[in-house]
Amino acid sequence: MLSSPHLSQPMNGLKDIVETRNFKAWLLDQYGVLHDGKQPYPGAISTLKNLATVGAKIVIISNSSRRASTTMEKLQGLGFDPSFFTGAITSGELTHQSLQRRDDPWFAALGRSCIHITWKDRGAISLEGLDLNVVENVEDADFVLAHGTEAIGLSSGGVSPMPLEELEKILEKSAAKGLPMIVANPDYVTVEANVFHIMPGTLAAKYEELGGEVKWMGKPHKMIYESAMAIAGVDNPGEAIAVGDSLHHDVKGANVAGIESVFITGGIHGSELGLTSFDETASLDSVKTLVAKHNAFPSYVLSAFKW
């Protein structure tokens, strides 16, 4: 879909879509839609319940470095009833499955030794079950695996905190050696309780600038949408709709996958749209300008995830 047919139509909430369209699969982003990383947005839990009650197959589709089970545990901890969800797929889950199965030619050709860029404060990512050998020297590596932006994995199983500047030096050496990179979270930044954090997508973009090859493992790439639709039991893209707050990841990803989308303006683009409070309505002109800038076209626009 290369236009936004409903942008000029005022919408009160998701109920307006449910009453006029019969989407079987609802693919929901979590950060910036359901919660801010620390607490649910006002009305998000009741809206989710209403959506589940009308029979929607709800699947979380998230650029999170972590496994799908961890994402579901976090949502439950924030007060979301897990019975409302059909399942979840994360970029981290997709990465884990691809490295474990190696049934794709690109992954089959990878070696087993990797430089692992991971988290420190946000909690390191386990590579258990992947039969990988974490190395600390670029000379010993077959590829770079980026789950985080705060630390480098050690062969002992621990992590060593490292500033971005030092990580970029490792990227320079890796690109010079021609090592491919897998990015397990394509987001550039994320917002948690109004604080911005640099995410692995920023490192991956830098790696491409350096001439390195990057395998992007989540939104806006088609594979994660196909996985989400499979979880919902839907083959026809016309039966699915995605809801997200990032034009580059959520809306563009929906465009690539050939499914419709709802752009939530109060998330990561809130300040760009001049919004200062929750559920504030962005001006249509500002939305149209931003949509054109990102070349990502939502089917619907809402201020928040609300019924």
Protein backbone atom coordinates (compact mmCIF):
# COMPACT_ATOMS: atom_id res chain seq x y z
CA MET A 1 0.00 0.00 0.00
CA LEU A 2 1.65 3.23 -1.15
CA SER A 3 -0.87 5.69 0.20
CA SER A 4 -2.75 6.29 3.41
CA PRO A 5 -6.44 6.22 2.47
CA HIS A 6 -7.80 6.74 5.97
CA LEU A 7 -5.49 9.53 7.19
CA SER A 8 -8.09 12.22 6.64
CA GLN A 9 -10.81 10.27 8.45
CA PRO A 10 -11.01 11.06 12.17
CA MET A 11 -10.75 7.96 14.34
CA ASN A 12 -11.63 7.52 17.98
CA GLY A 13 -9.97 4.16 18.52
CA LEU A 14 -9.45 0.61 17.30
CA LYS A 15 -13.19 -0.02 17.63
CA ASP A 16 -13.67 2.08 14.49
CA ILE A 17 -11.49 -0.37 12.54
CA VAL A 18 -13.00 -3.50 14.11
CA GLU A 19 -16.52 -2.38 13.21
CA THR A 20 -15.70 -1.78 9.55
CA ARG A 21 -12.95 -4.29 8.73
CA ASN A 22 -12.53 -7.98 9.56
CA PHE A 23 -8.85 -8.42 10.34
CA LYS A 24 -8.18 -11.86 11.84
CA ALA A 25 -4.56 -11.22 12.86
CA TRP A 26 -3.46 -8.19 14.85
CA LEU A 27 0.33 -7.84 14.99
CA LEU A 28 1.20 -5.54 17.88
CA ASP A 29 4.44 -3.78 18.65
CA GLN A 30 4.99 -3.52 22.40
CA TYR A 31 7.26 -0.54 23.29
CA GLY A 32 5.51 2.73 22.46
CA VAL A 33 2.17 0.96 21.92
CA LEU A 34 1.31 -1.21 24.94
CA HIS A 35 3.86 0.13 27.43
CA ASP A 36 6.84 2.43 27.86
CA GLY A 37 9.17 -0.26 29.21
CA LYS A 38 8.22 0.43 32.80
CA GLN A 39 4.42 0.57 32.89
CA PRO A 40 1.40 0.05 30.61
CA TYR A 41 -0.04 3.08 28.84
CA PRO A 42 -3.43 4.24 30.15
CA GLY A 43 -6.20 2.09 28.69
CA ALA A 44 -3.82 -0.36 26.97
CA ILE A 45 -4.84 -3.40 29.05
CA SER A 46 -8.58 -2.84 28.59
CA THR A 47 -8.10 -2.17 24.86
CA LEU A 48 -6.20 -5.42 24.49
CA LYS A 49 -8.99 -7.25 26.33
CA ASN A 50 -11.62 -5.73 24.01
CA LEU A 51 -9.61 -6.75 20.96
CA ALA A 52 -9.26 -10.32 22.24
CA THR A 53 -12.96 -10.46 23.11
CA VAL A 54 -13.98 -9.81 19.50
CA GLY A 55 -11.92 -12.83 18.45
CA ALA A 56 -8.72 -11.21 17.16
CA LYS A 57 -5.63 -13.41 16.98
CA ILE A 58 -3.14 -11.11 18.72
CA VAL A 59 0.58 -11.64 18.14
CA ILE A 60 3.37 -9.50 19.59
CA ILE A 61 5.89 -8.59 16.89
CA SER A 62 8.87 -6.90 18.49
CA ASN A 63 12.38 -5.78 17.69
CA SER A 64 13.62 -7.12 21.01
CA SER A 65 16.97 -8.91 21.31
CA ARG A 66 15.36 -11.33 23.76
CA ARG A 67 13.52 -14.59 23.21
CA ALA A 68 9.74 -14.55 22.71
CA SER A 69 9.16 -16.27 26.08
CA THR A 70 11.03 -13.45 27.88
CA THR A 71 8.86 -10.87 26.13
CA MET A 72 5.68 -12.65 27.22
CA GLU A 73 6.95 -12.83 30.80
CA LYS A 74 7.65 -9.09 30.77
CA LEU A 75 4.17 -8.32 29.45
CA GLN A 76 2.59 -10.49 32.14
CA GLY A 77 4.70 -8.71 34.76
CA LEU A 78 3.33 -5.39 33.49
CA GLY A 79 -0.24 -6.62 33.98
CA PHE A 80 -1.14 -7.93 30.51
CA ASP A 81 -3.08 -11.20 30.59
CA PRO A 82 -1.08 -13.76 28.53
CA SER A 83 -4.31 -15.53 27.52
CA PHE A 84 -5.13 -12.53 25.28
CA PHE A 85 -2.16 -13.33 23.04
CA THR A 86 -1.93 -16.07 20.43
CA GLY A 87 1.86 -15.79 20.64
CA ALA A 88 4.90 -13.61 20.08
CA ILE A 89 7.81 -13.32 17.69
CA THR A 90 10.83 -11.14 18.43
CA SER A 91 13.88 -10.33 16.35
CA GLY A 92 15.88 -12.12 19.07
CA GLU A 93 13.72 -15.24 18.73
CA LEU A 94 14.11 -15.15 14.95
CA THR A 95 17.89 -14.83 15.37
CA HIS A 96 18.04 -17.74 17.83
CA GLN A 97 15.95 -20.01 15.59
CA SER A 98 17.99 -19.14 12.50
CA LEU A 99 21.32 -19.79 14.24
CA GLN A 100 20.01 -23.02 15.77
CA ARG A 101 18.40 -24.50 12.65
CA ARG A 102 20.84 -23.18 10.03
CA ASP A 103 18.39 -24.34 7.34
CA ASP A 104 18.86 -21.09 5.42
CA PRO A 105 21.91 -21.10 3.08
CA TRP A 106 23.20 -17.83 4.53
CA PHE A 107 23.17 -19.17 8.08
CA ALA A 108 24.39 -22.61 7.00
CA ALA A 109 27.54 -21.00 5.62
CA LEU A 110 28.38 -19.21 8.90
CA GLY A 111 31.18 -20.45 11.08
CA ARG A 112 30.78 -21.05 14.83
CA SER A 113 33.08 -18.37 16.29
CA CYS A 114 31.61 -14.93 16.92
CA ILE A 115 32.27 -11.54 18.42
CA HIS A 116 29.23 -11.02 20.66
CA ILE A 117 28.08 -7.43 21.29
CA THR A 118 25.55 -7.57 24.11
CA TRP A 119 23.98 -5.79 27.07
CA LYS A 120 25.37 -4.99 30.49
CA ASP A 121 22.79 -3.00 32.49
CA ARG A 122 19.87 -4.42 30.50
CA GLY A 123 20.98 -8.03 31.11
CA ALA A 124 23.20 -10.21 28.91
CA ILE A 125 21.67 -12.48 26.26
CA SER A 126 22.16 -16.25 26.58
CA LEU A 127 23.57 -18.12 23.59
CA GLU A 128 22.79 -21.50 25.14
CA GLY A 129 21.92 -24.23 22.67
CA LEU A 130 23.46 -22.48 19.67
CA ASP A 131 26.85 -24.27 19.71
CA LEU A 132 28.70 -20.97 19.31
CA ASN A 133 32.20 -20.13 20.40
CA VAL A 134 32.42 -16.54 21.72
CA VAL A 135 35.82 -15.01 20.94
CA GLU A 136 37.30 -11.68 21.96
CA ASN A 137 39.67 -11.10 19.04
CA VAL A 138 38.41 -10.21 15.57
CA GLU A 139 41.16 -12.39 14.07
CA ASP A 140 39.52 -15.49 15.61
CA ALA A 141 35.92 -14.65 14.59
CA ASP A 142 33.73 -15.88 11.72
CA PHE A 143 30.99 -13.30 12.26
CA VAL A 144 29.69 -10.54 14.55
CA LEU A 145 26.48 -11.07 16.56
CA ALA A 146 24.89 -7.86 17.88
CA HIS A 147 22.27 -8.27 20.62
CA GLY A 148 23.09 -5.05 22.48
CA THR A 149 25.24 -1.92 22.58
CA GLU A 150 26.79 -1.91 26.06
CA ALA A 151 29.32 -4.74 26.36
CA ILE A 152 31.37 -7.40 24.62
CA GLY A 153 30.84 -11.06 25.41
CA LEU A 154 33.78 -12.94 26.91
CA SER A 155 34.86 -16.51 26.15
CA SER A 156 34.36 -17.24 29.86
CA GLY A 157 30.65 -16.55 29.47
CA GLY A 158 30.75 -13.16 31.19
CA VAL A 159 30.62 -9.70 29.68
CA SER A 160 32.97 -6.74 29.63
CA PRO A 161 31.31 -3.29 29.62
CA MET A 162 32.49 -1.20 26.67
CA PRO A 163 31.61 2.34 25.50
CA LEU A 164 30.21 2.82 21.99
CA GLU A 165 33.47 4.36 20.78
CA GLU A 166 35.38 1.17 21.64
CA LEU A 167 32.70 -1.04 20.12
CA GLU A 168 32.97 0.97 16.90
CA LYS A 169 36.72 0.22 16.78
CA ILE A 170 35.87 -3.49 16.91
CA LEU A 171 33.36 -2.95 14.10
CA GLU A 172 36.02 -1.23 11.99
CA LYS A 173 38.38 -4.21 12.38
CA SER A 174 35.55 -6.68 11.71
CA ALA A 175 34.44 -4.87 8.55
CA ALA A 176 38.04 -4.71 7.34
CA LYS A 177 38.27 -8.50 7.78
CA GLY A 178 35.00 -8.95 5.87
CA LEU A 179 33.05 -10.52 8.73
CA PRO A 180 29.26 -10.60 8.30
CA MET A 181 27.13 -9.16 11.11
CA ILE A 182 23.80 -10.44 12.43
CA VAL A 183 21.77 -7.74 14.16
CA ALA A 184 19.26 -9.27 16.57
CA ASN A 185 17.47 -5.95 17.15
CA PRO A 186 17.22 -3.58 14.16
CA ASP A 187 15.89 -0.65 16.22
CA TYR A 188 18.12 2.44 16.20
CA VAL A 189 16.88 3.80 19.52
CA THR A 190 14.20 2.92 22.02
CA VAL A 191 12.35 4.95 24.62
CA GLU A 192 11.93 3.65 28.16
CA ALA A 193 10.03 5.87 30.55
CA ASN A 194 10.93 8.88 28.33
CA VAL A 195 14.66 8.00 28.25
CA PHE A 196 16.26 7.23 24.86
CA HIS A 197 18.64 4.26 24.57
CA ILE A 198 20.94 3.49 21.62
CA MET A 199 19.99 0.12 20.12
CA PRO A 200 21.86 -2.43 17.94
CA GLY A 201 20.40 -1.10 14.69
CA THR A 202 22.60 1.97 15.14
CA LEU A 203 25.70 -0.27 15.20
CA ALA A 204 24.44 -2.20 12.17
CA ALA A 205 23.92 1.01 10.18
CA LYS A 206 27.47 2.04 11.10
CA TYR A 207 28.72 -1.39 9.98
CA GLU A 208 27.08 -0.97 6.58
CA GLU A 209 28.71 2.47 6.28
CA LEU A 210 32.04 0.73 6.89
CA GLY A 211 31.28 -1.63 4.00
CA GLY A 212 30.26 -4.57 6.18
CA GLU A 213 27.49 -7.06 5.35
CA VAL A 214 24.52 -6.99 7.76
CA LYS A 215 21.77 -9.55 8.21
CA TRP A 216 18.84 -7.57 9.65
CA MET A 217 16.64 -9.89 11.73
CA GLY A 218 13.43 -8.01 12.49
CA LYS A 219 11.15 -5.18 11.42
CA PRO A 220 10.96 -3.71 8.76
CA HIS A 221 11.98 -6.95 7.03
CA LYS A 222 9.42 -9.37 5.68
CA MET A 223 10.57 -12.54 7.47
CA ILE A 224 9.34 -11.48 10.92
CA TYR A 225 5.89 -10.57 9.55
CA GLU A 226 5.60 -13.96 7.86
CA SER A 227 6.49 -15.62 11.17
CA ALA A 228 3.90 -13.54 13.02
CA MET A 229 1.16 -14.36 10.51
CA ALA A 230 2.06 -18.06 10.74
CA ILE A 231 1.64 -17.90 14.54
CA ALA A 232 -1.81 -16.33 13.99
CA GLY A 233 -2.69 -19.00 11.42
CA VAL A 234 -3.18 -16.47 8.62
CA ASP A 235 -1.84 -16.92 5.07
CA ASN A 236 -3.51 -13.96 3.39
CA PRO A 237 -1.83 -10.59 4.13
CA GLY A 238 -5.24 -8.96 3.65
CA GLU A 239 -6.39 -10.60 6.88
CA ALA A 240 -3.64 -9.03 8.99
CA ILE A 241 -3.00 -5.54 10.38
CA ALA A 242 0.05 -4.26 12.26
CA VAL A 243 0.03 -1.65 15.03
CA GLY A 244 3.20 0.27 15.88
CA ASP A 245 4.76 3.61 16.75
CA SER A 246 7.79 3.56 14.43
CA LEU A 247 7.33 4.63 10.82
CA HIS A 248 10.67 3.14 9.80
CA HIS A 249 10.15 -0.24 11.48
CA ASP A 250 6.45 -0.90 12.09
CA VAL A 251 4.75 0.96 9.25
CA LYS A 252 7.41 0.40 6.60
CA GLY A 253 7.57 -3.27 7.63
CA ALA A 254 3.82 -3.57 7.15
CA ASN A 255 4.17 -1.91 3.74
CA VAL A 256 6.90 -4.41 2.78
CA ALA A 257 4.79 -7.35 3.98
CA GLY A 258 1.74 -6.09 2.10
CA ILE A 259 -0.45 -5.67 5.18
CA GLU A 260 -2.33 -2.68 6.55
CA SER A 261 -1.13 -0.74 9.57
CA VAL A 262 -2.04 1.60 12.40
CA PHE A 263 0.50 4.31 13.24
CA ILE A 264 0.49 5.26 16.94
CA THR A 265 1.72 8.86 17.02
CA GLY A 266 2.40 9.11 20.76
CA GLY A 267 5.42 6.79 20.78
CA ILE A 268 8.91 7.28 19.39
CA HIS A 269 7.86 10.07 16.98
CA GLY A 270 5.93 12.03 19.64
CA SER A 271 8.42 14.88 20.02
CA GLU A 272 8.90 15.19 16.23
CA LEU A 273 5.14 15.61 15.92
CA GLY A 274 5.12 18.31 18.60
CA LEU A 275 3.27 16.19 21.16
CA THR A 276 3.76 16.96 24.84
CA SER A 277 1.22 14.72 26.60
CA PHE A 278 -0.26 11.23 26.34
CA ASP A 279 -3.14 10.76 23.87
CA GLU A 280 -2.60 14.22 22.40
CA THR A 281 -3.71 14.37 18.75
CA ALA A 282 -1.03 15.19 16.19
CA SER A 283 -1.94 17.61 13.41
CA LEU A 284 -2.70 15.95 10.09
CA ASP A 285 -0.14 18.14 8.31
CA SER A 286 2.66 17.11 10.69
CA VAL A 287 1.77 13.42 10.25
CA LYS A 288 1.72 13.74 6.44
CA THR A 289 5.11 15.47 6.48
CA LEU A 290 6.67 12.76 8.68
CA VAL A 291 5.10 9.93 6.66
CA ALA A 292 6.57 11.39 3.46
CA LYS A 293 9.98 11.85 5.10
CA HIS A 294 10.13 8.17 6.09
CA ASN A 295 8.47 6.90 2.90
CA ALA A 296 6.28 4.73 5.13
CA PHE A 297 2.53 4.85 4.70
CA PRO A 298 0.09 3.83 7.45
CA SER A 299 -3.49 2.85 6.70
CA TYR A 300 -4.75 4.49 9.92
CA VAL A 301 -3.41 6.97 12.46
CA LEU A 302 -4.22 6.97 16.20
CA SER A 303 -2.87 9.02 19.08
CA ALA A 304 -2.64 5.96 21.34
CA PHE A 305 -3.55 2.27 21.59
CA LYS A 306 -7.12 2.78 22.68
CA TRP A 307 -10.55 1.33 22.03
